[in-house]
Structures are given as C-alpha cells and as structure tokens.
Amino acid sequence: MRCRISKSDLPKGFYVYLFLRKDGTPYYVGKGHGKRAFDESRNWHPRDLSRVQVVETGLLEAAAFELEKGLITKYGRKDLGTGILRNRTDGGDGTAGHKLNDEQRKRLAIVRRGNKNALGKRWKVSDITKRRVAEARRGEKNPAAKLTTQQVVAIRERLAAGEKQKPLAVEYNVSFQLISQIKRGEVWR
C-alpha cells in the first residue's frame, strides 16, 4: 500500500472523504478508516493529495455509512444517470469488520491460487486450443503489432541487400531490437 501521508496526519476514527476533479467537483465518495482515502493503489485515486477532501472525521462506523449514503444521494451516480459520481453503489454497504468463517476462508484461498476454479482443479487447455489462440494473434492479427506483413517482407529484403538495421528501425518507427529479431527470424516467422 503506497501512502504519502504520515500516520500522525491521518484522520482519527472512521471518516467520510471525497475525491475531487481538477475543477473541484467530487467524483467519488467513500467511508474510510486509517489510510484508506490516501492509499494511491486504490481505484480512481487522485495523484494530487490536495484533491482528497475529508468531509468529517471521528465518526462511529454507522454514522460514517449514513453520511456516505447522504452524499452519494446528494451528488448522484453516473452509472444510474442521476449525477456526477463514479460510485457503483448507494453507499453504506462496506465490509469493515466482516469476519469470514473457516469454509469461506478455504474457498477464497482456493480461488486466489493461480489459475484454478472454486473446486480447486486446474483449468485444462488442450495443445490444439493453445495453437489456435497463438495462431489467432500471430502477425498483423496481434493488437500490439507495429508492422504489417508487407513491411516485414520489405525489411527482410532490404536487410538481405545489406542495409543497416538502425536506419530501418528509425524509418519504420520501431526499436532496433525488433529489426534484429526480424533478421534472426525470432519474430514474424
């Protein structure tokens, strides 16, 4: 958890906070405790801490939930077409203090272990499926491709004719390493 605020500066108890746009209007209302509002790894967190506004501190959790709900109602939600907030719920529905029972903890542990389903069995992907997926994203079909097949053919011909790699990289606006990989046949086979 990245947080650029000292412990002594954190609000006491539960609190309600707003994330503000550059124009000062709120885009998110939240209820927090400790570093929550200042944790930069959270979704939608403003990069500038001056755009985190703590509305009220020192609240009991129930009071913080009520204030959060009231502010969300006041500003409205974008997803419902009622306002300007990115909140996806009406508030007051956090899970603070929620304790998982042993069965829930086990199921959650299984789900979080890599590529497994809730029953704990690995997903099996056949070699045929792996080849089909790889083929579907090969060459120009790959969304990250920077060159077309015709450009790669032209690069190979020019390299065979003795042209240098660096000018080709500049001309095609790609890295020197990519031109080198094309020459060695490591990519665009």
C-alpha atoms as a PDB file:
ATOM      1  CA  MET A   1       0.000   0.000   0.000  1.00  0.00           C
ATOM      2  CA  ARG A   2       1.550   3.301  -1.114  1.00  0.00           C
ATOM      3  CA  CYS A   3       0.623   6.278   1.025  1.00  0.00           C
ATOM      4  CA  ARG A   4       2.343   9.664   1.096  1.00  0.00           C
ATOM      5  CA  ILE A   5       0.845  10.858   4.356  1.00  0.00           C
ATOM      6  CA  SER A   6       2.255  10.352   7.832  1.00  0.00           C
ATOM      7  CA  LYS A   7       0.388   8.368  10.469  1.00  0.00           C
ATOM      8  CA  SER A   8       0.045  11.435  12.679  1.00  0.00           C
ATOM      9  CA  ASP A   9      -1.734  13.309   9.871  1.00  0.00           C
ATOM     10  CA  LEU A  10      -4.319  10.566   9.269  1.00  0.00           C
ATOM     11  CA  PRO A  11      -7.905  11.276  10.331  1.00  0.00           C
ATOM     12  CA  LYS A  12      -8.969   9.696  13.622  1.00  0.00           C
ATOM     13  CA  GLY A  13     -11.697   7.048  13.733  1.00  0.00           C
ATOM     14  CA  PHE A  14     -13.999   6.491  10.787  1.00  0.00           C
ATOM     15  CA  TYR A  15     -14.315   9.310   8.271  1.00  0.00           C
ATOM     16  CA  VAL A  16     -16.014  10.228   5.023  1.00  0.00           C
ATOM     17  CA  TYR A  17     -13.970  11.580   2.129  1.00  0.00           C
ATOM     18  CA  LEU A  18     -14.365  12.918  -1.410  1.00  0.00           C
ATOM     19  CA  PHE A  19     -12.069  12.521  -4.399  1.00  0.00           C
ATOM     20  CA  LEU A  20     -12.209  15.767  -6.356  1.00  0.00           C
ATOM     21  CA  ARG A  21     -11.787  16.526 -10.046  1.00  0.00           C
ATOM     22  CA  LYS A  22      -9.442  19.329 -11.103  1.00  0.00           C
ATOM     23  CA  ASP A  23     -12.430  21.689 -11.198  1.00  0.00           C
ATOM     24  CA  GLY A  24     -13.227  20.878  -7.541  1.00  0.00           C
ATOM     25  CA  THR A  25     -16.332  18.767  -8.122  1.00  0.00           C
ATOM     26  CA  PRO A  26     -16.397  15.338  -6.441  1.00  0.00           C
ATOM     27  CA  TYR A  27     -16.180  12.162  -8.490  1.00  0.00           C
ATOM     28  CA  TYR A  28     -16.128   9.641  -5.628  1.00  0.00           C
ATOM     29  CA  VAL A  29     -17.490   9.497  -2.061  1.00  0.00           C
ATOM     30  CA  GLY A  30     -16.079   6.991   0.379  1.00  0.00           C
ATOM     31  CA  LYS A  31     -16.027   5.911   4.015  1.00  0.00           C
ATOM     32  CA  GLY A  32     -12.636   5.173   5.452  1.00  0.00           C
ATOM     33  CA  HIS A  33     -10.504   4.334   8.428  1.00  0.00           C
ATOM     34  CA  GLY A  34      -6.734   4.734   8.662  1.00  0.00           C
ATOM     35  CA  LYS A  35      -5.007   5.204   5.287  1.00  0.00           C
ATOM     36  CA  ARG A  36      -7.910   4.224   3.034  1.00  0.00           C
ATOM     37  CA  ALA A  37      -8.548   7.627   1.435  1.00  0.00           C
ATOM     38  CA  PHE A  38      -4.819   8.222   0.939  1.00  0.00           C
ATOM     39  CA  ASP A  39      -3.844   4.816  -0.462  1.00  0.00           C
ATOM     40  CA  GLU A  40      -2.668   5.551  -4.013  1.00  0.00           C
ATOM     41  CA  SER A  41      -3.038   1.932  -5.120  1.00  0.00           C
ATOM     42  CA  ARG A  42      -6.831   2.189  -4.890  1.00  0.00           C
ATOM     43  CA  ASN A  43      -9.004   2.697  -7.983  1.00  0.00           C
ATOM     44  CA  TRP A  44      -9.716   6.259  -9.061  1.00  0.00           C
ATOM     45  CA  HIS A  45      -7.325   7.758  -6.503  1.00  0.00           C
ATOM     46  CA  PRO A  46      -6.252  11.310  -7.460  1.00  0.00           C
ATOM     47  CA  ARG A  47      -2.489  11.705  -7.908  1.00  0.00           C
ATOM     48  CA  ASP A  48      -2.580  15.043  -6.124  1.00  0.00           C
ATOM     49  CA  LEU A  49      -3.400  14.577  -2.422  1.00  0.00           C
ATOM     50  CA  SER A  50      -4.863  18.086  -2.296  1.00  0.00           C
ATOM     51  CA  ARG A  51      -7.757  16.603  -4.284  1.00  0.00           C
ATOM     52  CA  VAL A  52      -8.637  14.251  -1.384  1.00  0.00           C
ATOM     53  CA  GLN A  53     -11.105  16.092   0.851  1.00  0.00           C
ATOM     54  CA  VAL A  54     -12.016  14.628   4.231  1.00  0.00           C
ATOM     55  CA  VAL A  55     -15.590  15.727   4.969  1.00  0.00           C
ATOM     56  CA  GLU A  56     -15.906  14.602   8.596  1.00  0.00           C
ATOM     57  CA  THR A  57     -13.731  12.592  10.999  1.00  0.00           C
ATOM     58  CA  GLY A  58     -14.064  10.873  14.359  1.00  0.00           C
ATOM     59  CA  LEU A  59     -17.306   9.156  13.422  1.00  0.00           C
ATOM     60  CA  LEU A  60     -18.713   5.829  14.521  1.00  0.00           C
ATOM     61  CA  GLU A  61     -18.927   3.432  11.599  1.00  0.00           C
ATOM     62  CA  ALA A  62     -22.727   3.607  11.387  1.00  0.00           C
ATOM     63  CA  ALA A  63     -22.648   7.428  11.272  1.00  0.00           C
ATOM     64  CA  ALA A  64     -19.926   7.343   8.585  1.00  0.00           C
ATOM     65  CA  PHE A  65     -22.050   4.976   6.479  1.00  0.00           C
ATOM     66  CA  GLU A  66     -25.071   7.293   6.812  1.00  0.00           C
ATOM     67  CA  LEU A  67     -23.058  10.373   5.816  1.00  0.00           C
ATOM     68  CA  GLU A  68     -21.578   8.472   2.851  1.00  0.00           C
ATOM     69  CA  LYS A  69     -25.072   7.452   1.686  1.00  0.00           C
ATOM     70  CA  GLY A  70     -26.339  11.013   2.087  1.00  0.00           C
ATOM     71  CA  LEU A  71     -23.514  12.487  -0.012  1.00  0.00           C
ATOM     72  CA  ILE A  72     -23.933   9.865  -2.733  1.00  0.00           C
ATOM     73  CA  THR A  73     -27.647  10.694  -2.866  1.00  0.00           C
ATOM     74  CA  LYS A  74     -26.853  14.433  -2.959  1.00  0.00           C
ATOM     75  CA  TYR A  75     -24.349  14.231  -5.854  1.00  0.00           C
ATOM     76  CA  GLY A  76     -25.915  11.268  -7.694  1.00  0.00           C
ATOM     77  CA  ARG A  77     -24.277   8.413  -9.608  1.00  0.00           C
ATOM     78  CA  LYS A  78     -23.084   8.468 -13.222  1.00  0.00           C
ATOM     79  CA  ASP A  79     -23.913   4.795 -13.833  1.00  0.00           C
ATOM     80  CA  LEU A  80     -27.573   5.443 -12.955  1.00  0.00           C
ATOM     81  CA  GLY A  81     -27.693   8.748 -14.831  1.00  0.00           C
ATOM     82  CA  THR A  82     -28.567  10.616 -11.623  1.00  0.00           C
ATOM     83  CA  GLY A  83     -25.375  12.612 -11.095  1.00  0.00           C
ATOM     84  CA  ILE A  84     -21.597  13.016 -11.247  1.00  0.00           C
ATOM     85  CA  LEU A  85     -20.117  10.293  -9.017  1.00  0.00           C
ATOM     86  CA  ARG A  86     -18.310   7.132 -10.138  1.00  0.00           C
ATOM     87  CA  ASN A  87     -19.565   5.211  -7.093  1.00  0.00           C
ATOM     88  CA  ARG A  88     -21.149   1.905  -8.095  1.00  0.00           C
ATOM     89  CA  THR A  89     -23.337   1.547  -5.017  1.00  0.00           C
ATOM     90  CA  ASP A  90     -25.521   3.844  -2.939  1.00  0.00           C
ATOM     91  CA  GLY A  91     -23.044   3.554  -0.049  1.00  0.00           C
ATOM     92  CA  GLY A  92     -23.368   2.171   3.444  1.00  0.00           C
ATOM     93  CA  ASP A  93     -22.542  -1.321   2.252  1.00  0.00           C
ATOM     94  CA  GLY A  94     -18.879  -1.757   3.122  1.00  0.00           C
ATOM     95  CA  THR A  95     -17.493  -4.884   4.723  1.00  0.00           C
ATOM     96  CA  ALA A  96     -15.476  -3.363   7.568  1.00  0.00           C
ATOM     97  CA  GLY A  97     -15.162  -5.771  10.449  1.00  0.00           C
ATOM     98  CA  HIS A  98     -16.619  -8.663   8.456  1.00  0.00           C
ATOM     99  CA  LYS A  99     -15.196 -11.995   9.615  1.00  0.00           C
ATOM    100  CA  LEU A 100     -15.041 -14.970   7.260  1.00  0.00           C
ATOM    101  CA  ASN A 101     -15.881 -18.394   8.611  1.00  0.00           C
ATOM    102  CA  ASP A 102     -13.495 -21.322   8.007  1.00  0.00           C
ATOM    103  CA  GLU A 103     -15.358 -22.606   4.940  1.00  0.00           C
ATOM    104  CA  GLN A 104     -15.394 -19.143   3.307  1.00  0.00           C
ATOM    105  CA  ARG A 105     -11.681 -18.711   4.039  1.00  0.00           C
ATOM    106  CA  LYS A 106     -10.848 -22.091   2.430  1.00  0.00           C
ATOM    107  CA  ARG A 107     -12.905 -21.404  -0.690  1.00  0.00           C
ATOM    108  CA  LEU A 108     -11.349 -17.948  -1.064  1.00  0.00           C
ATOM    109  CA  ALA A 109      -7.835 -19.403  -0.676  1.00  0.00           C
ATOM    110  CA  ILE A 110      -8.552 -21.927  -3.437  1.00  0.00           C
ATOM    111  CA  VAL A 111      -9.917 -19.271  -5.789  1.00  0.00           C
ATOM    112  CA  ARG A 112      -6.922 -16.998  -5.230  1.00  0.00           C
ATOM    113  CA  ARG A 113      -4.344 -19.707  -6.015  1.00  0.00           C
ATOM    114  CA  GLY A 114      -3.342 -19.036  -9.605  1.00  0.00           C
ATOM    115  CA  ASN A 115      -5.477 -20.306 -12.426  1.00  0.00           C
ATOM    116  CA  LYS A 116      -7.875 -22.554 -10.515  1.00  0.00           C
ATOM    117  CA  ASN A 117     -11.617 -22.676 -10.202  1.00  0.00           C
ATOM    118  CA  ALA A 118     -13.555 -22.808  -6.929  1.00  0.00           C
ATOM    119  CA  LEU A 119     -13.310 -26.599  -6.799  1.00  0.00           C
ATOM    120  CA  GLY A 120      -9.523 -26.466  -6.724  1.00  0.00           C
ATOM    121  CA  LYS A 121      -8.998 -28.134 -10.117  1.00  0.00           C
ATOM    122  CA  ARG A 122      -6.655 -26.602 -12.669  1.00  0.00           C
ATOM    123  CA  TRP A 123      -8.206 -25.383 -15.902  1.00  0.00           C
ATOM    124  CA  LYS A 124      -7.052 -27.704 -18.650  1.00  0.00           C
ATOM    125  CA  VAL A 125      -6.276 -26.215 -22.047  1.00  0.00           C
ATOM    126  CA  SER A 126      -5.526 -28.617 -24.867  1.00  0.00           C
ATOM    127  CA  ASP A 127      -2.486 -28.192 -27.107  1.00  0.00           C
ATOM    128  CA  ILE A 128      -4.851 -27.666 -30.039  1.00  0.00           C
ATOM    129  CA  THR A 129      -6.551 -24.765 -28.245  1.00  0.00           C
ATOM    130  CA  LYS A 130      -3.168 -23.258 -27.340  1.00  0.00           C
ATOM    131  CA  ARG A 131      -2.094 -23.413 -31.017  1.00  0.00           C
ATOM    132  CA  ARG A 132      -5.386 -21.879 -32.193  1.00  0.00           C
ATOM    133  CA  VAL A 133      -5.076 -18.989 -29.742  1.00  0.00           C
ATOM    134  CA  ALA A 134      -1.445 -18.407 -30.728  1.00  0.00           C
ATOM    135  CA  GLU A 135      -2.336 -18.507 -34.436  1.00  0.00           C
ATOM    136  CA  ALA A 136      -5.245 -16.114 -33.978  1.00  0.00           C
ATOM    137  CA  ARG A 137      -2.858 -13.487 -32.552  1.00  0.00           C
ATOM    138  CA  ARG A 138       0.062 -14.010 -34.922  1.00  0.00           C
ATOM    139  CA  GLY A 139       1.481 -11.233 -37.117  1.00  0.00           C
ATOM    140  CA  GLU A 140      -0.881  -8.422 -38.058  1.00  0.00           C
ATOM    141  CA  LYS A 141      -3.712 -10.065 -36.100  1.00  0.00           C
ATOM    142  CA  ASN A 142      -1.913  -9.250 -32.849  1.00  0.00           C
ATOM    143  CA  PRO A 143      -3.328  -5.964 -31.495  1.00  0.00           C
ATOM    144  CA  ALA A 144       0.180  -4.962 -30.361  1.00  0.00           C
ATOM    145  CA  ALA A 145       1.699  -5.417 -33.864  1.00  0.00           C
ATOM    146  CA  LYS A 146       3.553  -2.325 -35.081  1.00  0.00           C
ATOM    147  CA  LEU A 147       4.263  -3.614 -38.582  1.00  0.00           C
ATOM    148  CA  THR A 148       2.306  -5.200 -41.410  1.00  0.00           C
ATOM    149  CA  THR A 149       3.344  -8.392 -43.173  1.00  0.00           C
ATOM    150  CA  GLN A 150       4.301  -6.361 -46.279  1.00  0.00           C
ATOM    151  CA  GLN A 151       6.554  -4.114 -44.180  1.00  0.00           C
ATOM    152  CA  VAL A 152       8.288  -7.133 -42.627  1.00  0.00           C
ATOM    153  CA  VAL A 153       8.889  -8.670 -46.085  1.00  0.00           C
ATOM    154  CA  ALA A 154      10.348  -5.344 -47.270  1.00  0.00           C
ATOM    155  CA  ILE A 155      12.581  -5.089 -44.173  1.00  0.00           C
ATOM    156  CA  ARG A 156      13.903  -8.629 -44.749  1.00  0.00           C
ATOM    157  CA  GLU A 157      14.638  -7.856 -48.426  1.00  0.00           C
ATOM    158  CA  ARG A 158      16.446  -4.630 -47.520  1.00  0.00           C
ATOM    159  CA  LEU A 159      18.455  -6.398 -44.786  1.00  0.00           C
ATOM    160  CA  ALA A 160      19.427  -9.124 -47.285  1.00  0.00           C
ATOM    161  CA  ALA A 161      20.557  -6.375 -49.690  1.00  0.00           C
ATOM    162  CA  GLY A 162      22.929  -5.121 -46.988  1.00  0.00           C
ATOM    163  CA  GLU A 163      21.066  -2.179 -45.436  1.00  0.00           C
ATOM    164  CA  LYS A 164      21.864  -1.376 -41.814  1.00  0.00           C
ATOM    165  CA  GLN A 165      19.365  -2.163 -39.050  1.00  0.00           C
ATOM    166  CA  LYS A 166      19.366   1.184 -37.242  1.00  0.00           C
ATOM    167  CA  PRO A 167      18.140   3.330 -40.203  1.00  0.00           C
ATOM    168  CA  LEU A 168      15.384   0.770 -40.845  1.00  0.00           C
ATOM    169  CA  ALA A 169      14.286   0.973 -37.213  1.00  0.00           C
ATOM    170  CA  VAL A 170      14.074   4.770 -37.459  1.00  0.00           C
ATOM    171  CA  GLU A 171      12.231   4.632 -40.790  1.00  0.00           C
ATOM    172  CA  TYR A 172       9.614   2.164 -39.544  1.00  0.00           C
ATOM    173  CA  ASN A 173       9.414   3.770 -36.084  1.00  0.00           C
ATOM    174  CA  VAL A 174      10.230   0.534 -34.238  1.00  0.00           C
ATOM    175  CA  SER A 175      13.061  -0.492 -31.945  1.00  0.00           C
ATOM    176  CA  PHE A 176      16.449  -1.619 -33.177  1.00  0.00           C
ATOM    177  CA  GLN A 177      15.845  -4.843 -31.235  1.00  0.00           C
ATOM    178  CA  LEU A 178      12.695  -5.611 -33.250  1.00  0.00           C
ATOM    179  CA  ILE A 179      14.581  -5.221 -36.533  1.00  0.00           C
ATOM    180  CA  SER A 180      17.292  -7.501 -35.153  1.00  0.00           C
ATOM    181  CA  GLN A 181      14.697 -10.112 -34.106  1.00  0.00           C
ATOM    182  CA  ILE A 182      13.107  -9.973 -37.574  1.00  0.00           C
ATOM    183  CA  LYS A 183      16.552 -10.511 -39.140  1.00  0.00           C
ATOM    184  CA  ARG A 184      17.248 -13.537 -36.909  1.00  0.00           C
ATOM    185  CA  GLY A 185      13.779 -14.984 -37.571  1.00  0.00           C
ATOM    186  CA  GLU A 186      12.721 -14.807 -33.899  1.00  0.00           C
ATOM    187  CA  VAL A 187       9.554 -12.838 -34.705  1.00  0.00           C
ATOM    188  CA  TRP A 188       7.344 -12.620 -37.794  1.00  0.00           C
ATOM    189  CA  ARG A 189       8.334 -16.180 -38.844  1.00  0.00           C
END
